Protein backbone atom coordinates (compact mmCIF):
# COMPACT_ATOMS: atom_id res chain seq x y z
CA UNK A 1 -22.31 55.95 90.48
CA UNK A 2 -20.93 52.69 90.14
CA UNK A 3 -17.34 51.65 91.72
CA UNK A 4 -14.48 52.07 89.78
CA UNK A 5 -14.05 48.12 89.39
CA UNK A 6 -17.20 47.25 88.36
CA UNK A 7 -16.82 50.48 85.65
CA UNK A 8 -13.71 48.79 84.24
CA UNK A 9 -15.23 44.98 84.69
CA UNK A 10 -18.29 46.01 82.13
CA UNK A 11 -16.16 48.25 79.97
CA UNK A 12 -14.39 44.99 79.18
CA UNK A 13 -17.43 42.42 78.57
CA UNK A 14 -18.63 45.64 75.89
CA UNK A 15 -15.53 45.25 73.76
CA UNK A 16 -15.08 41.58 73.96
CA UNK A 17 -18.49 40.85 72.78
CA UNK A 18 -17.72 43.60 69.92
CA UNK A 19 -14.17 41.61 68.90
CA UNK A 20 -16.47 38.16 69.24
CA UNK A 21 -18.85 39.74 66.96
CA UNK A 22 -16.69 41.57 64.43
CA UNK A 23 -15.01 37.82 63.90
CA UNK A 24 -18.31 35.91 63.26
CA UNK A 25 -18.90 38.67 60.59
CA UNK A 26 -15.65 38.27 58.95
CA UNK A 27 -15.20 34.70 58.22
CA UNK A 28 -18.62 34.64 56.78
CA UNK A 29 -17.50 37.69 54.22
CA UNK A 30 -14.37 35.37 53.44
CA UNK A 31 -16.36 32.20 52.49
CA UNK A 32 -18.30 33.81 50.52
CA UNK A 33 -15.53 35.00 48.81
CA UNK A 34 -13.77 32.33 47.97
CA UNK A 35 -16.67 30.14 46.39
CA UNK A 36 -17.48 33.32 44.76
CA UNK A 37 -13.77 32.76 43.34
CA UNK A 38 -13.78 29.19 42.35
CA UNK A 39 -17.17 29.32 39.74
CA UNK A 40 -15.17 32.51 38.11
CA UNK A 41 -12.19 30.62 37.35
CA UNK A 42 -13.64 27.73 35.96
CA UNK A 43 -14.11 27.60 31.92
CA UNK A 44 -14.88 24.60 29.99
CA UNK A 45 -11.87 23.63 27.54
CA UNK A 46 -11.62 25.52 23.98
CA UNK A 47 -12.46 23.46 21.49
CA UNK A 48 -9.00 24.67 19.90
CA UNK A 49 -7.71 23.10 22.85
CA UNK A 50 -8.70 20.28 21.86
CA UNK A 51 -7.93 19.71 17.98
CA UNK A 52 -5.21 19.72 16.67
CA UNK A 53 -4.55 20.50 12.36
CA UNK A 54 -4.40 17.09 10.73
CA UNK A 55 -1.07 17.44 8.43
CA UNK A 56 -0.78 14.60 5.29
CA UNK A 57 1.76 11.91 6.45
CA UNK A 58 2.30 10.19 3.24
CA UNK A 59 3.76 11.59 0.43
CA UNK A 60 2.28 11.65 -2.93
CA UNK A 61 4.07 9.22 -5.63
CA UNK A 62 5.57 10.07 -7.95
CA UNK A 63 4.32 7.69 -11.35
CA UNK A 64 5.73 6.80 -14.48
CA UNK A 65 4.68 5.29 -17.45
CA UNK A 66 8.21 3.49 -19.00
CA UNK A 67 8.48 1.90 -21.79
CA UNK A 68 11.26 1.18 -24.63
CA UNK A 69 11.55 1.04 -28.02
CA UNK A 70 12.46 -1.68 -30.49
CA UNK A 71 10.73 -1.69 -33.44
CA UNK A 72 14.13 -0.80 -35.67
CA UNK A 73 16.30 -2.91 -33.58
CA UNK A 74 19.76 -3.69 -34.72
CA UNK A 75 19.44 -7.00 -37.44
CA UNK A 76 21.96 -8.55 -34.88
CA UNK A 77 20.48 -7.51 -31.47
CA UNK A 78 17.72 -9.91 -30.03
CA UNK A 79 14.49 -8.77 -28.70
CA UNK A 80 15.44 -10.17 -25.33
CA UNK A 81 18.21 -7.94 -25.10
CA UNK A 82 15.69 -4.74 -24.85
CA UNK A 83 13.29 -7.02 -21.99
CA UNK A 84 15.48 -7.75 -19.95
CA UNK A 85 16.38 -3.71 -20.03
CA UNK A 86 13.21 -2.73 -19.77
CA UNK A 87 11.94 -5.19 -16.89
CA UNK A 88 15.11 -3.76 -14.96
CA UNK A 89 14.41 -0.86 -14.97
CA UNK A 90 11.34 -0.90 -14.07
CA UNK A 91 12.08 -3.11 -11.36
CA UNK A 92 15.03 -0.62 -10.42
CA UNK A 93 12.03 2.30 -10.30
CA UNK A 94 9.98 0.65 -8.28
CA UNK A 95 12.04 0.06 -5.30
CA UNK A 96 12.07 3.82 -4.96
CA UNK A 97 9.69 4.31 -1.40
CA UNK A 98 7.25 7.13 -3.41
CA UNK A 99 8.05 5.50 -7.19
CA UNK A 100 4.95 3.56 -9.19
CA UNK A 101 6.02 2.53 -12.50
CA UNK A 102 4.03 0.45 -14.74
CA UNK A 103 5.39 -0.60 -18.36
CA UNK A 104 4.71 1.66 -21.60
CA UNK A 105 5.28 -1.55 -23.87
CA UNK A 106 8.14 -2.95 -26.23
CA UNK A 107 7.34 -0.25 -29.30
CA UNK A 108 7.75 3.08 -27.84
CA UNK A 109 10.18 4.82 -29.55
CA UNK A 110 10.72 9.07 -27.98
CA UNK A 111 7.98 10.46 -30.77
CA UNK A 112 5.34 7.75 -28.95
CA UNK A 113 6.46 8.77 -25.36
CA UNK A 114 5.40 12.00 -26.41
CA UNK A 115 2.19 11.47 -27.79
CA UNK A 116 1.78 9.13 -25.09
CA UNK A 117 2.94 12.38 -22.10
CA UNK A 118 0.41 14.42 -23.52
CA UNK A 119 -2.39 12.39 -23.04
CA UNK A 120 -1.30 12.22 -19.30
CA UNK A 121 -2.35 14.10 -16.42
CA UNK A 122 -0.25 12.79 -13.62
CA UNK A 123 2.51 9.89 -15.87
CA UNK A 124 5.64 11.11 -16.78
CA UNK A 125 6.39 9.19 -19.20
CA UNK A 126 9.97 7.43 -19.68
CA UNK A 127 10.80 6.42 -23.45
CA UNK A 128 14.20 4.46 -23.39
CA UNK A 129 16.33 3.09 -26.66
CA UNK A 130 19.02 0.60 -27.23
CA UNK A 131 21.49 2.34 -29.09
CA UNK A 132 24.98 1.04 -30.62
CA UNK A 133 28.37 1.95 -29.14
CA UNK A 134 30.32 1.52 -32.03
CA UNK A 135 27.86 3.22 -34.54
CA UNK A 136 27.20 6.38 -33.01
CA UNK A 137 30.95 6.53 -32.72
CA UNK A 138 31.37 5.96 -36.77
CA UNK A 139 33.04 2.85 -36.37
CA UNK A 140 33.05 -0.14 -38.64
CA UNK A 141 32.63 -3.22 -36.39
CA UNK A 142 31.61 -6.70 -37.14
CA UNK A 143 28.36 -7.41 -35.15
CA UNK A 144 30.10 -10.18 -32.95
CA UNK A 145 32.12 -7.76 -31.64
CA UNK A 146 29.42 -5.06 -31.47
CA UNK A 147 28.68 -3.09 -27.58
CA UNK A 148 25.64 -1.37 -26.56
CA UNK A 149 23.98 1.21 -24.40
CA UNK A 150 21.13 2.26 -22.88
CA UNK A 151 19.57 5.85 -24.01
CA UNK A 152 16.60 7.53 -22.15
CA UNK A 153 14.36 10.57 -22.04
CA UNK A 154 12.08 11.88 -19.50
CA UNK A 155 8.79 13.17 -20.54
CA UNK A 156 6.50 15.87 -19.27
CA UNK A 157 2.34 14.64 -18.79
CA UNK A 158 0.37 17.14 -20.39
CA UNK A 159 3.39 19.13 -22.09
CA UNK A 160 4.67 16.38 -23.70
CA UNK A 161 7.73 18.28 -23.34
CA UNK A 162 11.42 16.29 -22.77
CA UNK A 163 12.19 17.25 -19.29
CA UNK A 164 15.82 15.47 -19.04
CA UNK A 165 17.71 12.56 -21.32
CA UNK A 166 20.87 11.04 -20.87
CA UNK A 167 22.41 7.85 -21.29
CA UNK A 168 23.80 5.16 -19.31
CA UNK A 169 27.92 4.50 -19.28
CA UNK A 170 27.86 0.90 -18.40
CA UNK A 171 28.09 -1.19 -21.57
CA UNK A 172 25.64 -4.22 -22.86
CA UNK A 173 28.34 -6.40 -23.86
CA UNK A 174 28.69 -9.75 -25.05
CA UNK A 175 29.35 -12.97 -23.63
CA UNK A 176 32.80 -14.00 -24.55
CA UNK A 177 34.40 -11.04 -23.91
CA UNK A 178 34.93 -11.44 -20.71
CA UNK A 179 35.35 -14.99 -21.08
CA UNK A 180 32.35 -16.57 -19.97
CA UNK A 181 31.33 -18.30 -23.12
CA UNK A 182 31.52 -17.46 -27.16
CA UNK A 183 28.92 -16.08 -29.28
CA UNK A 184 26.07 -17.75 -30.53
CA UNK A 185 26.99 -18.96 -34.53
CA UNK A 186 23.48 -17.52 -34.64
CA UNK A 187 23.79 -14.22 -33.47
CA UNK A 188 25.71 -12.21 -30.43
CA UNK A 189 24.72 -14.17 -26.98
CA UNK A 190 25.02 -10.65 -24.62
CA UNK A 191 25.98 -10.90 -20.95
CA UNK A 192 22.91 -11.11 -18.46
CA UNK A 193 24.97 -8.98 -16.59
CA UNK A 194 25.40 -6.56 -18.66
CA UNK A 195 21.74 -6.13 -19.78
CA UNK A 196 20.59 -5.56 -16.01
CA UNK A 197 23.75 -3.82 -14.99
CA UNK A 198 22.67 -0.84 -18.25
CA UNK A 199 18.55 -1.32 -16.68
CA UNK A 200 19.32 -0.07 -12.95
CA UNK A 201 21.79 2.83 -13.59
CA UNK A 202 19.43 4.41 -16.46
CA UNK A 203 16.58 3.80 -13.14
CA UNK A 204 18.85 5.36 -11.27
CA UNK A 205 19.76 8.16 -13.15
CA UNK A 206 16.16 9.02 -14.04
CA UNK A 207 15.39 9.01 -10.63
CA UNK A 208 18.25 11.22 -9.96
CA UNK A 209 16.43 13.71 -12.19
CA UNK A 210 13.43 13.87 -9.74
CA UNK A 211 15.83 13.99 -6.46
CA UNK A 212 15.11 10.74 -5.77
CA UNK A 213 17.14 8.01 -4.62
CA UNK A 214 16.56 4.24 -3.81
CA UNK A 215 17.53 2.94 -0.38
CA UNK A 216 20.15 0.03 -0.15
């Protein structure tokens, strides 16, 4: 039999060898597990994450064909009245960012506007008329004392239906009434300012029907 002290020493040595072997086995197992976890969690980015839905950034423009009727012009009303109203109306309409307005000429009454609208697929038609304030009210007055206003009709493309209509509150008055100058002997001379204001107001009221406002 071995001495007691030697026996204790051998047992201790055996326990230390067993512990060291177990530690080496544990380290090898942990290292392999870590590598496997890293490879499993790494995945390529999906296409959905890279691709964003594209939305339109520009609003669709409102297209308008604008004409005026001077074929039934009053005897004393010069043609420049109609041309000035039309030009200023189109200019004002075009100041709206999403509006593209073009001229339909100076021989377009409401009936002609309806016919034109039926030939259109996208453009709305606007027919302008210059009316006599006093003639509409049934009052008799001399030509040099008359005042005018602008009437408009907004007509839907394809169907040719008149969707809205109205008139301006700004009267086109003759020079001399505001102390500017006297009417010409060859016929009344209308205020350039009042002509412009009538065209601008007509345009603003037309745009309001489409919920559009010009940025000042």
